[in-house]
Amino acid sequence: MADENLVTELANAKTVAEADAAAKKINEQLKDMEKASEKKQSSRLVILDELRGFCLLIMMTYHLFYIMGYLFGMERGMAMHAAMTPFAPIFAAFFILIAGFCVCYSKDLSKRGLKLLIYALCISLMTIVILPMFPRFENHNMAVWFGILHLLAVAKLLMALWQKIFGKIPWFVGLPLSLLLFQYTSSVSDGYFSLFGHFTLNLPEFLYSSNVLMPFGFHAPGFVTWDYFPLLPFLFLFLFGVFLGRPMKDSLPKFCYRSTILPLGWLGRHSLIIYLLHMFVLYGVVYFFYVTLG
């Protein structure tokens, strides 16, 4: 909306010249407002939405084949799930990296972290309490105690708490360091740290005597969970994304801000609610076709 003073100036113009001058000012102001609006809309890094949406689509496809194969006994579902299994961790890792990258664009990490934590607790409630009530789920342990949303929630809360400390670490130091620490701690579930077979550190056995330290990667031998992304090593993958985002934040090409694949962008923007509900929706779809088609 144009400035009220300019509108008043136009209304009170006594000559054609004055009216023309006021009209030009209003037109210029409207153009500036339009440019500001376009800039605000294009400031969102749309490519991250689309990449997040792509990872989410792969994950939902993977879970769909699991439901088809292991809950409804469809051989094709089992075969496709087995074929995708080696690649599933890659897309999950990419999802974590994108979340770390997005920290550079987040204004309130503590608020976002708390929101994610609520969603993560909802996932735990659904998989531990609600899913076993559904037919065919009762014999499958799909409980999520510390999954990917739990990881991202805690990571963002830690970043909000220690942002000043991490901010003092140059990106060219933090980038390789976080990658090395990710590799070094990646064998935590096997009872040791190691960097490509070197600098091996055997961890105390008492860390694995119970599941109390499960969020950190230490758990008892009989621990079973559907989705597990402990802080060690995956916090360092998140930090790798954070440090990667710093030098790239203001140097990405223009096409990264333009929508290319609208459905993937939509999935990425609504990834939280979709992640929360997708198992129920997929189960309902497969159950419908299973019952309908026999």
C-alpha atoms as a PDB file:
ATOM      1  CA  MET A   1       0.000   0.000   0.000  1.00  0.00           C
ATOM      2  CA  ALA A   2       1.333   3.437  -0.946  1.00  0.00           C
ATOM      3  CA  ASP A   3       2.297   6.005   1.706  1.00  0.00           C
ATOM      4  CA  GLU A   4      -0.736   7.967   2.961  1.00  0.00           C
ATOM      5  CA  ASN A   5       1.111  11.284   2.596  1.00  0.00           C
ATOM      6  CA  LEU A   6       1.630  10.632  -1.120  1.00  0.00           C
ATOM      7  CA  VAL A   7      -2.024   9.722  -1.546  1.00  0.00           C
ATOM      8  CA  THR A   8      -3.006  12.925   0.229  1.00  0.00           C
ATOM      9  CA  GLU A   9      -0.568  14.885  -1.930  1.00  0.00           C
ATOM     10  CA  LEU A  10      -2.170  13.405  -5.046  1.00  0.00           C
ATOM     11  CA  ALA A  11      -5.672  14.232  -3.799  1.00  0.00           C
ATOM     12  CA  ASN A  12      -4.716  17.822  -2.970  1.00  0.00           C
ATOM     13  CA  ALA A  13      -2.832  18.474  -6.205  1.00  0.00           C
ATOM     14  CA  LYS A  14      -3.946  21.764  -7.752  1.00  0.00           C
ATOM     15  CA  THR A  15      -2.313  21.368 -11.124  1.00  0.00           C
ATOM     16  CA  VAL A  16      -1.814  18.549 -13.575  1.00  0.00           C
ATOM     17  CA  ALA A  17       1.949  18.735 -13.046  1.00  0.00           C
ATOM     18  CA  GLU A  18       1.615  18.295  -9.274  1.00  0.00           C
ATOM     19  CA  ALA A  19      -0.773  15.384  -9.737  1.00  0.00           C
ATOM     20  CA  ASP A  20       1.564  13.763 -12.270  1.00  0.00           C
ATOM     21  CA  ALA A  21       4.539  14.154  -9.906  1.00  0.00           C
ATOM     22  CA  ALA A  22       2.602  12.623  -6.972  1.00  0.00           C
ATOM     23  CA  ALA A  23       1.413   9.745  -9.165  1.00  0.00           C
ATOM     24  CA  LYS A  24       4.978   8.993 -10.249  1.00  0.00           C
ATOM     25  CA  LYS A  25       6.130   8.918  -6.610  1.00  0.00           C
ATOM     26  CA  ILE A  26       3.321   6.500  -5.719  1.00  0.00           C
ATOM     27  CA  ASN A  27       4.196   4.300  -8.708  1.00  0.00           C
ATOM     28  CA  GLU A  28       7.877   4.212  -7.721  1.00  0.00           C
ATOM     29  CA  GLN A  29       6.983   3.356  -4.148  1.00  0.00           C
ATOM     30  CA  LEU A  30       4.733   0.495  -5.257  1.00  0.00           C
ATOM     31  CA  LYS A  31       7.510  -0.869  -7.491  1.00  0.00           C
ATOM     32  CA  ASP A  32       9.956  -0.747  -4.559  1.00  0.00           C
ATOM     33  CA  MET A  33       7.471  -2.596  -2.370  1.00  0.00           C
ATOM     34  CA  GLU A  34       6.970  -5.203  -5.082  1.00  0.00           C
ATOM     35  CA  LYS A  35      10.726  -5.725  -5.425  1.00  0.00           C
ATOM     36  CA  ALA A  36      11.069  -6.058  -1.646  1.00  0.00           C
ATOM     37  CA  SER A  37       8.296  -8.656  -1.618  1.00  0.00           C
ATOM     38  CA  GLU A  38       9.932 -10.656  -4.439  1.00  0.00           C
ATOM     39  CA  LYS A  39      13.272 -10.521  -2.655  1.00  0.00           C
ATOM     40  CA  LYS A  40      11.686 -11.785   0.542  1.00  0.00           C
ATOM     41  CA  GLN A  41      10.028 -14.674  -1.303  1.00  0.00           C
ATOM     42  CA  SER A  42      13.196 -15.609  -3.185  1.00  0.00           C
ATOM     43  CA  SER A  43      15.360 -15.501  -0.043  1.00  0.00           C
ATOM     44  CA  ARG A  44      14.249 -19.044   0.838  1.00  0.00           C
ATOM     45  CA  LEU A  45      16.727 -21.635  -0.317  1.00  0.00           C
ATOM     46  CA  VAL A  46      14.207 -23.737  -2.234  1.00  0.00           C
ATOM     47  CA  ILE A  47      16.742 -26.344  -3.293  1.00  0.00           C
ATOM     48  CA  LEU A  48      17.056 -27.454   0.342  1.00  0.00           C
ATOM     49  CA  ASP A  49      13.296 -28.018   0.500  1.00  0.00           C
ATOM     50  CA  GLU A  50      13.455 -30.111  -2.651  1.00  0.00           C
ATOM     51  CA  LEU A  51      16.452 -32.150  -1.487  1.00  0.00           C
ATOM     52  CA  ARG A  52      14.774 -32.716   1.870  1.00  0.00           C
ATOM     53  CA  GLY A  53      11.597 -33.719   0.042  1.00  0.00           C
ATOM     54  CA  PHE A  54      13.550 -36.168  -2.127  1.00  0.00           C
ATOM     55  CA  CYS A  55      15.127 -37.817   0.932  1.00  0.00           C
ATOM     56  CA  LEU A  56      11.705 -38.002   2.567  1.00  0.00           C
ATOM     57  CA  LEU A  57      10.222 -39.613  -0.556  1.00  0.00           C
ATOM     58  CA  ILE A  58      12.955 -42.266  -0.587  1.00  0.00           C
ATOM     59  CA  MET A  59      12.405 -42.946   3.107  1.00  0.00           C
ATOM     60  CA  MET A  60       8.637 -43.330   2.655  1.00  0.00           C
ATOM     61  CA  THR A  61       9.199 -45.698  -0.297  1.00  0.00           C
ATOM     62  CA  TYR A  62      11.565 -47.758   1.848  1.00  0.00           C
ATOM     63  CA  HIS A  63       8.988 -47.972   4.632  1.00  0.00           C
ATOM     64  CA  LEU A  64       6.239 -48.804   2.140  1.00  0.00           C
ATOM     65  CA  PHE A  65       8.187 -51.844   0.929  1.00  0.00           C
ATOM     66  CA  TYR A  66       8.773 -52.896   4.550  1.00  0.00           C
ATOM     67  CA  ILE A  67       5.034 -52.783   5.257  1.00  0.00           C
ATOM     68  CA  MET A  68       4.266 -54.681   2.051  1.00  0.00           C
ATOM     69  CA  GLY A  69       6.929 -57.315   2.631  1.00  0.00           C
ATOM     70  CA  TYR A  70       7.129 -57.929   6.359  1.00  0.00           C
ATOM     71  CA  LEU A  71       3.650 -56.984   7.556  1.00  0.00           C
ATOM     72  CA  PHE A  72       1.614 -58.342   4.641  1.00  0.00           C
ATOM     73  CA  GLY A  73       3.972 -61.035   3.373  1.00  0.00           C
ATOM     74  CA  MET A  74       4.324 -59.710  -0.185  1.00  0.00           C
ATOM     75  CA  GLU A  75       7.482 -61.138  -1.765  1.00  0.00           C
ATOM     76  CA  ARG A  76       7.924 -58.154  -4.070  1.00  0.00           C
ATOM     77  CA  GLY A  77       7.902 -55.833  -1.063  1.00  0.00           C
ATOM     78  CA  MET A  78      10.577 -57.927   0.671  1.00  0.00           C
ATOM     79  CA  ALA A  79      12.748 -57.924  -2.450  1.00  0.00           C
ATOM     80  CA  MET A  80      12.485 -54.159  -2.986  1.00  0.00           C
ATOM     81  CA  HIS A  81      13.122 -53.455   0.695  1.00  0.00           C
ATOM     82  CA  ALA A  82      16.227 -55.624   0.620  1.00  0.00           C
ATOM     83  CA  ALA A  83      17.426 -53.853  -2.537  1.00  0.00           C
ATOM     84  CA  MET A  84      17.035 -50.416  -0.926  1.00  0.00           C
ATOM     85  CA  THR A  85      18.540 -51.330   2.460  1.00  0.00           C
ATOM     86  CA  PRO A  86      22.206 -50.637   1.517  1.00  0.00           C
ATOM     87  CA  PHE A  87      21.274 -47.132   0.320  1.00  0.00           C
ATOM     88  CA  ALA A  88      18.901 -46.142   3.147  1.00  0.00           C
ATOM     89  CA  PRO A  89      21.681 -44.853   5.494  1.00  0.00           C
ATOM     90  CA  ILE A  90      23.013 -42.598   2.721  1.00  0.00           C
ATOM     91  CA  PHE A  91      19.731 -40.712   2.373  1.00  0.00           C
ATOM     92  CA  ALA A  92      19.324 -40.519   6.151  1.00  0.00           C
ATOM     93  CA  ALA A  93      22.830 -39.070   6.460  1.00  0.00           C
ATOM     94  CA  PHE A  94      22.063 -36.568   3.705  1.00  0.00           C
ATOM     95  CA  PHE A  95      18.900 -35.547   5.584  1.00  0.00           C
ATOM     96  CA  ILE A  96      20.984 -34.869   8.724  1.00  0.00           C
ATOM     97  CA  LEU A  97      23.557 -32.908   6.723  1.00  0.00           C
ATOM     98  CA  ILE A  98      20.808 -30.718   5.213  1.00  0.00           C
ATOM     99  CA  ALA A  99      19.427 -30.038   8.706  1.00  0.00           C
ATOM    100  CA  GLY A 100      22.874 -28.866   9.806  1.00  0.00           C
ATOM    101  CA  PHE A 101      23.240 -26.718   6.687  1.00  0.00           C
ATOM    102  CA  CYS A 102      19.901 -25.023   7.482  1.00  0.00           C
ATOM    103  CA  VAL A 103      21.221 -23.798  10.843  1.00  0.00           C
ATOM    104  CA  CYS A 104      22.804 -20.885   8.957  1.00  0.00           C
ATOM    105  CA  TYR A 105      19.295 -19.756   7.973  1.00  0.00           C
ATOM    106  CA  SER A 106      17.574 -20.373  11.315  1.00  0.00           C
ATOM    107  CA  LYS A 107      16.714 -17.407  13.509  1.00  0.00           C
ATOM    108  CA  ASP A 108      15.507 -19.183  16.652  1.00  0.00           C
ATOM    109  CA  LEU A 109      17.266 -22.515  17.117  1.00  0.00           C
ATOM    110  CA  SER A 110      15.951 -23.103  20.631  1.00  0.00           C
ATOM    111  CA  LYS A 111      12.340 -22.707  19.479  1.00  0.00           C
ATOM    112  CA  ARG A 112      12.896 -24.984  16.476  1.00  0.00           C
ATOM    113  CA  GLY A 113      14.719 -27.505  18.652  1.00  0.00           C
ATOM    114  CA  LEU A 114      11.883 -27.661  21.183  1.00  0.00           C
ATOM    115  CA  LYS A 115       9.339 -28.035  18.376  1.00  0.00           C
ATOM    116  CA  LEU A 116      11.334 -30.923  16.916  1.00  0.00           C
ATOM    117  CA  LEU A 117      11.628 -32.512  20.354  1.00  0.00           C
ATOM    118  CA  ILE A 118       7.834 -32.496  20.734  1.00  0.00           C
ATOM    119  CA  TYR A 119       7.496 -34.184  17.323  1.00  0.00           C
ATOM    120  CA  ALA A 120      10.178 -36.711  18.301  1.00  0.00           C
ATOM    121  CA  LEU A 121       8.363 -37.596  21.526  1.00  0.00           C
ATOM    122  CA  CYS A 122       5.166 -38.022  19.495  1.00  0.00           C
ATOM    123  CA  ILE A 123       7.021 -40.475  17.251  1.00  0.00           C
ATOM    124  CA  SER A 124       8.143 -42.445  20.311  1.00  0.00           C
ATOM    125  CA  LEU A 125       4.593 -42.468  21.695  1.00  0.00           C
ATOM    126  CA  MET A 126       3.154 -43.654  18.378  1.00  0.00           C
ATOM    127  CA  THR A 127       5.697 -46.415  17.772  1.00  0.00           C
ATOM    128  CA  ILE A 128       5.865 -47.683  21.359  1.00  0.00           C
ATOM    129  CA  VAL A 129       2.188 -47.432  22.350  1.00  0.00           C
ATOM    130  CA  ILE A 130      -0.093 -46.874  19.331  1.00  0.00           C
ATOM    131  CA  LEU A 131       1.402 -48.887  16.431  1.00  0.00           C
ATOM    132  CA  PRO A 132       1.372 -52.220  18.339  1.00  0.00           C
ATOM    133  CA  MET A 133      -2.426 -51.841  18.601  1.00  0.00           C
ATOM    134  CA  PHE A 134      -2.770 -52.186  14.813  1.00  0.00           C
ATOM    135  CA  PRO A 135      -3.165 -55.634  13.236  1.00  0.00           C
ATOM    136  CA  ARG A 136       0.136 -57.143  11.977  1.00  0.00           C
ATOM    137  CA  PHE A 137       2.260 -54.679  13.998  1.00  0.00           C
ATOM    138  CA  GLU A 138       2.001 -56.581  17.282  1.00  0.00           C
ATOM    139  CA  ASN A 139       4.794 -59.012  16.356  1.00  0.00           C
ATOM    140  CA  HIS A 140       7.164 -56.366  15.017  1.00  0.00           C
ATOM    141  CA  ASN A 141       9.233 -54.233  17.386  1.00  0.00           C
ATOM    142  CA  MET A 142       9.075 -50.821  15.703  1.00  0.00           C
ATOM    143  CA  ALA A 143       9.705 -48.735  18.826  1.00  0.00           C
ATOM    144  CA  VAL A 144      11.706 -45.544  18.240  1.00  0.00           C
ATOM    145  CA  TRP A 145      13.586 -44.495  21.361  1.00  0.00           C
ATOM    146  CA  PHE A 146      16.100 -42.101  19.829  1.00  0.00           C
ATOM    147  CA  GLY A 147      15.528 -41.669  16.110  1.00  0.00           C
ATOM    148  CA  ILE A 148      16.485 -39.065  13.561  1.00  0.00           C
ATOM    149  CA  LEU A 149      14.068 -36.439  14.926  1.00  0.00           C
ATOM    150  CA  HIS A 150      15.396 -36.909  18.471  1.00  0.00           C
ATOM    151  CA  LEU A 151      18.916 -36.403  17.115  1.00  0.00           C
ATOM    152  CA  LEU A 152      18.039 -33.223  15.194  1.00  0.00           C
ATOM    153  CA  ALA A 153      16.085 -31.805  18.146  1.00  0.00           C
ATOM    154  CA  VAL A 154      18.969 -32.279  20.594  1.00  0.00           C
ATOM    155  CA  ALA A 155      21.515 -31.081  18.009  1.00  0.00           C
ATOM    156  CA  LYS A 156      19.618 -27.820  17.454  1.00  0.00           C
ATOM    157  CA  LEU A 157      19.172 -27.254  21.180  1.00  0.00           C
ATOM    158  CA  LEU A 158      22.912 -27.803  21.695  1.00  0.00           C
ATOM    159  CA  MET A 159      23.670 -25.389  18.865  1.00  0.00           C
ATOM    160  CA  ALA A 160      21.400 -22.785  20.473  1.00  0.00           C
ATOM    161  CA  LEU A 161      23.228 -23.291  23.772  1.00  0.00           C
ATOM    162  CA  TRP A 162      26.762 -23.302  22.360  1.00  0.00           C
ATOM    163  CA  GLN A 163      26.297 -21.091  19.295  1.00  0.00           C
ATOM    164  CA  LYS A 164      28.869 -18.536  20.478  1.00  0.00           C
ATOM    165  CA  ILE A 165      31.453 -21.269  21.016  1.00  0.00           C
ATOM    166  CA  PHE A 166      30.874 -22.907  17.618  1.00  0.00           C
ATOM    167  CA  GLY A 167      30.773 -19.456  16.024  1.00  0.00           C
ATOM    168  CA  LYS A 168      34.405 -18.897  17.024  1.00  0.00           C
ATOM    169  CA  ILE A 169      35.577 -22.017  15.183  1.00  0.00           C
ATOM    170  CA  PRO A 170      36.535 -21.134  11.570  1.00  0.00           C
ATOM    171  CA  TRP A 171      34.589 -23.151   9.029  1.00  0.00           C
ATOM    172  CA  PHE A 172      37.789 -24.433   7.374  1.00  0.00           C
ATOM    173  CA  VAL A 173      38.781 -25.938  10.741  1.00  0.00           C
ATOM    174  CA  GLY A 174      35.356 -27.184  11.799  1.00  0.00           C
ATOM    175  CA  LEU A 175      34.592 -28.815   8.441  1.00  0.00           C
ATOM    176  CA  PRO A 176      37.410 -31.423   8.360  1.00  0.00           C
ATOM    177  CA  LEU A 177      37.415 -31.778  12.156  1.00  0.00           C
ATOM    178  CA  SER A 178      33.731 -32.695  12.347  1.00  0.00           C
ATOM    179  CA  LEU A 179      34.165 -35.182   9.488  1.00  0.00           C
ATOM    180  CA  LEU A 180      37.130 -36.843  11.213  1.00  0.00           C
ATOM    181  CA  LEU A 181      35.248 -37.044  14.515  1.00  0.00           C
ATOM    182  CA  PHE A 182      32.265 -38.561  12.720  1.00  0.00           C
ATOM    183  CA  GLN A 183      34.507 -41.266  11.292  1.00  0.00           C
ATOM    184  CA  TYR A 184      36.363 -41.738  14.593  1.00  0.00           C
ATOM    185  CA  THR A 185      33.167 -42.294  16.633  1.00  0.00           C
ATOM    186  CA  SER A 186      31.227 -44.244  13.977  1.00  0.00           C
ATOM    187  CA  SER A 187      32.147 -47.590  15.583  1.00  0.00           C
ATOM    188  CA  VAL A 188      30.779 -46.626  19.009  1.00  0.00           C
ATOM    189  CA  SER A 189      28.135 -49.386  18.875  1.00  0.00           C
ATOM    190  CA  ASP A 190      30.960 -51.942  18.499  1.00  0.00           C
ATOM    191  CA  GLY A 191      32.659 -50.771  21.696  1.00  0.00           C
ATOM    192  CA  TYR A 192      35.531 -48.676  20.376  1.00  0.00           C
ATOM    193  CA  PHE A 193      36.586 -45.524  18.531  1.00  0.00           C
ATOM    194  CA  SER A 194      38.894 -45.760  15.538  1.00  0.00           C
ATOM    195  CA  LEU A 195      40.071 -43.657  12.620  1.00  0.00           C
ATOM    196  CA  PHE A 196      40.446 -45.991   9.647  1.00  0.00           C
ATOM    197  CA  GLY A 197      42.029 -48.615  11.914  1.00  0.00           C
ATOM    198  CA  HIS A 198      44.345 -46.150  13.668  1.00  0.00           C
ATOM    199  CA  PHE A 199      44.230 -44.391  17.068  1.00  0.00           C
ATOM    200  CA  THR A 200      41.875 -47.112  18.342  1.00  0.00           C
ATOM    201  CA  LEU A 201      40.320 -46.494  21.749  1.00  0.00           C
ATOM    202  CA  ASN A 202      38.523 -49.393  23.426  1.00  0.00           C
ATOM    203  CA  LEU A 203      35.581 -48.146  25.470  1.00  0.00           C
ATOM    204  CA  PRO A 204      34.751 -49.394  29.000  1.00  0.00           C
ATOM    205  CA  GLU A 205      32.297 -52.293  29.138  1.00  0.00           C
ATOM    206  CA  PHE A 206      30.122 -50.653  31.809  1.00  0.00           C
ATOM    207  CA  LEU A 207      28.933 -48.139  29.183  1.00  0.00           C
ATOM    208  CA  TYR A 208      27.141 -51.015  27.452  1.00  0.00           C
ATOM    209  CA  SER A 209      25.658 -52.651  30.555  1.00  0.00           C
ATOM    210  CA  SER A 210      22.281 -50.901  30.131  1.00  0.00           C
ATOM    211  CA  ASN A 211      20.357 -48.632  27.746  1.00  0.00           C
ATOM    212  CA  VAL A 212      20.550 -45.541  29.953  1.00  0.00           C
ATOM    213  CA  LEU A 213      23.220 -43.980  27.715  1.00  0.00           C
ATOM    214  CA  MET A 214      21.465 -45.093  24.534  1.00  0.00           C
ATOM    215  CA  PRO A 215      21.085 -41.478  23.198  1.00  0.00           C
ATOM    216  CA  PHE A 216      24.892 -41.235  23.133  1.00  0.00           C
ATOM    217  CA  GLY A 217      25.407 -44.501  21.266  1.00  0.00           C
ATOM    218  CA  PHE A 218      26.033 -46.804  24.233  1.00  0.00           C
ATOM    219  CA  HIS A 219      23.468 -49.584  24.640  1.00  0.00           C
ATOM    220  CA  ALA A 220      23.109 -53.134  25.893  1.00  0.00           C
ATOM    221  CA  PRO A 221      23.601 -56.015  23.402  1.00  0.00           C
ATOM    222  CA  GLY A 222      19.870 -56.846  23.251  1.00  0.00           C
ATOM    223  CA  PHE A 223      18.783 -53.318  22.376  1.00  0.00           C
ATOM    224  CA  VAL A 224      16.283 -53.273  19.486  1.00  0.00           C
ATOM    225  CA  THR A 225      14.805 -50.203  17.836  1.00  0.00           C
ATOM    226  CA  TRP A 226      13.256 -49.305  14.489  1.00  0.00           C
ATOM    227  CA  ASP A 227      15.085 -46.001  13.959  1.00  0.00           C
ATOM    228  CA  TYR A 228      18.334 -45.198  15.770  1.00  0.00           C
ATOM    229  CA  PHE A 229      20.566 -42.152  15.274  1.00  0.00           C
ATOM    230  CA  PRO A 230      22.581 -41.552  18.458  1.00  0.00           C
ATOM    231  CA  LEU A 231      24.537 -38.380  19.136  1.00  0.00           C
ATOM    232  CA  LEU A 232      27.731 -40.341  18.530  1.00  0.00           C
ATOM    233  CA  PRO A 233      28.586 -40.258  15.689  1.00  0.00           C
ATOM    234  CA  PHE A 234      25.700 -38.374  14.034  1.00  0.00           C
ATOM    235  CA  LEU A 235      26.062 -35.105  15.935  1.00  0.00           C
ATOM    236  CA  PHE A 236      29.337 -34.604  14.059  1.00  0.00           C
ATOM    237  CA  LEU A 237      27.601 -35.159  10.725  1.00  0.00           C
ATOM    238  CA  PHE A 238      25.121 -32.458  11.727  1.00  0.00           C
ATOM    239  CA  LEU A 239      28.028 -30.151  12.609  1.00  0.00           C
ATOM    240  CA  PHE A 240      29.644 -30.928   9.252  1.00  0.00           C
ATOM    241  CA  GLY A 241      26.496 -29.515   7.642  1.00  0.00           C
ATOM    242  CA  VAL A 242      26.675 -26.442   9.903  1.00  0.00           C
ATOM    243  CA  PHE A 243      30.267 -25.669   8.937  1.00  0.00           C
ATOM    244  CA  LEU A 244      29.558 -26.446   5.278  1.00  0.00           C
ATOM    245  CA  GLY A 245      26.730 -23.932   5.247  1.00  0.00           C
ATOM    246  CA  ARG A 246      28.818 -20.993   6.448  1.00  0.00           C
ATOM    247  CA  PRO A 247      30.972 -20.333   3.368  1.00  0.00           C
ATOM    248  CA  MET A 248      28.155 -21.318   0.996  1.00  0.00           C
ATOM    249  CA  LYS A 249      25.387 -19.229   2.551  1.00  0.00           C
ATOM    250  CA  ASP A 250      25.810 -16.137   0.384  1.00  0.00           C
ATOM    251  CA  SER A 251      27.539 -17.693  -2.609  1.00  0.00           C
ATOM    252  CA  LEU A 252      24.976 -20.147  -3.952  1.00  0.00           C
ATOM    253  CA  PRO A 253      23.772 -19.620  -7.565  1.00  0.00           C
ATOM    254  CA  LYS A 254      20.337 -18.090  -8.245  1.00  0.00           C
ATOM    255  CA  PHE A 255      18.755 -21.362  -9.399  1.00  0.00           C
ATOM    256  CA  CYS A 256      19.033 -22.627  -5.790  1.00  0.00           C
ATOM    257  CA  TYR A 257      16.359 -20.076  -4.844  1.00  0.00           C
ATOM    258  CA  ARG A 258      13.975 -21.053  -7.649  1.00  0.00           C
ATOM    259  CA  SER A 259      11.528 -23.925  -7.478  1.00  0.00           C
ATOM    260  CA  THR A 260      12.348 -26.734  -9.920  1.00  0.00           C
ATOM    261  CA  ILE A 261      10.251 -29.687  -8.763  1.00  0.00           C
ATOM    262  CA  LEU A 262       7.183 -28.354  -6.947  1.00  0.00           C
ATOM    263  CA  PRO A 263       6.006 -31.665  -5.371  1.00  0.00           C
ATOM    264  CA  LEU A 264       9.418 -32.270  -3.789  1.00  0.00           C
ATOM    265  CA  GLY A 265       9.501 -28.703  -2.472  1.00  0.00           C
ATOM    266  CA  TRP A 266       6.075 -29.207  -0.919  1.00  0.00           C
ATOM    267  CA  LEU A 267       7.212 -32.443   0.729  1.00  0.00           C
ATOM    268  CA  GLY A 268      10.299 -30.729   2.088  1.00  0.00           C
ATOM    269  CA  ARG A 269       8.370 -27.800   3.553  1.00  0.00           C
ATOM    270  CA  HIS A 270       5.922 -30.142   5.302  1.00  0.00           C
ATOM    271  CA  SER A 271       8.431 -32.862   6.173  1.00  0.00           C
ATOM    272  CA  LEU A 272       7.710 -32.880   9.912  1.00  0.00           C
ATOM    273  CA  ILE A 273       3.993 -33.580   9.786  1.00  0.00           C
ATOM    274  CA  ILE A 274       4.473 -36.016   6.882  1.00  0.00           C
ATOM    275  CA  TYR A 275       7.157 -37.899   8.809  1.00  0.00           C
ATOM    276  CA  LEU A 276       4.862 -38.043  11.814  1.00  0.00           C
ATOM    277  CA  LEU A 277       1.904 -39.542   9.935  1.00  0.00           C
ATOM    278  CA  HIS A 278       3.370 -41.430   6.989  1.00  0.00           C
ATOM    279  CA  MET A 279       3.456 -44.899   8.598  1.00  0.00           C
ATOM    280  CA  PHE A 280      -0.263 -44.775   9.379  1.00  0.00           C
ATOM    281  CA  VAL A 281      -1.103 -43.535   5.881  1.00  0.00           C
ATOM    282  CA  LEU A 282       1.077 -46.146   4.157  1.00  0.00           C
ATOM    283  CA  TYR A 283      -0.318 -48.912   6.339  1.00  0.00           C
ATOM    284  CA  GLY A 284      -3.869 -47.791   5.517  1.00  0.00           C
ATOM    285  CA  VAL A 285      -3.169 -47.731   1.767  1.00  0.00           C
ATOM    286  CA  VAL A 286      -1.533 -51.176   1.724  1.00  0.00           C
ATOM    287  CA  TYR A 287      -4.246 -52.635   3.963  1.00  0.00           C
ATOM    288  CA  PHE A 288      -6.966 -51.253   1.672  1.00  0.00           C
ATOM    289  CA  PHE A 289      -5.465 -52.767  -1.472  1.00  0.00           C
ATOM    290  CA  TYR A 290      -4.593 -56.008   0.323  1.00  0.00           C
ATOM    291  CA  VAL A 291      -8.164 -56.475   1.506  1.00  0.00           C
ATOM    292  CA  THR A 292      -9.734 -55.190  -1.734  1.00  0.00           C
ATOM    293  CA  LEU A 293      -7.584 -57.140  -4.183  1.00  0.00           C
ATOM    294  CA  GLY A 294      -7.010 -60.104  -1.918  1.00  0.00           C
END
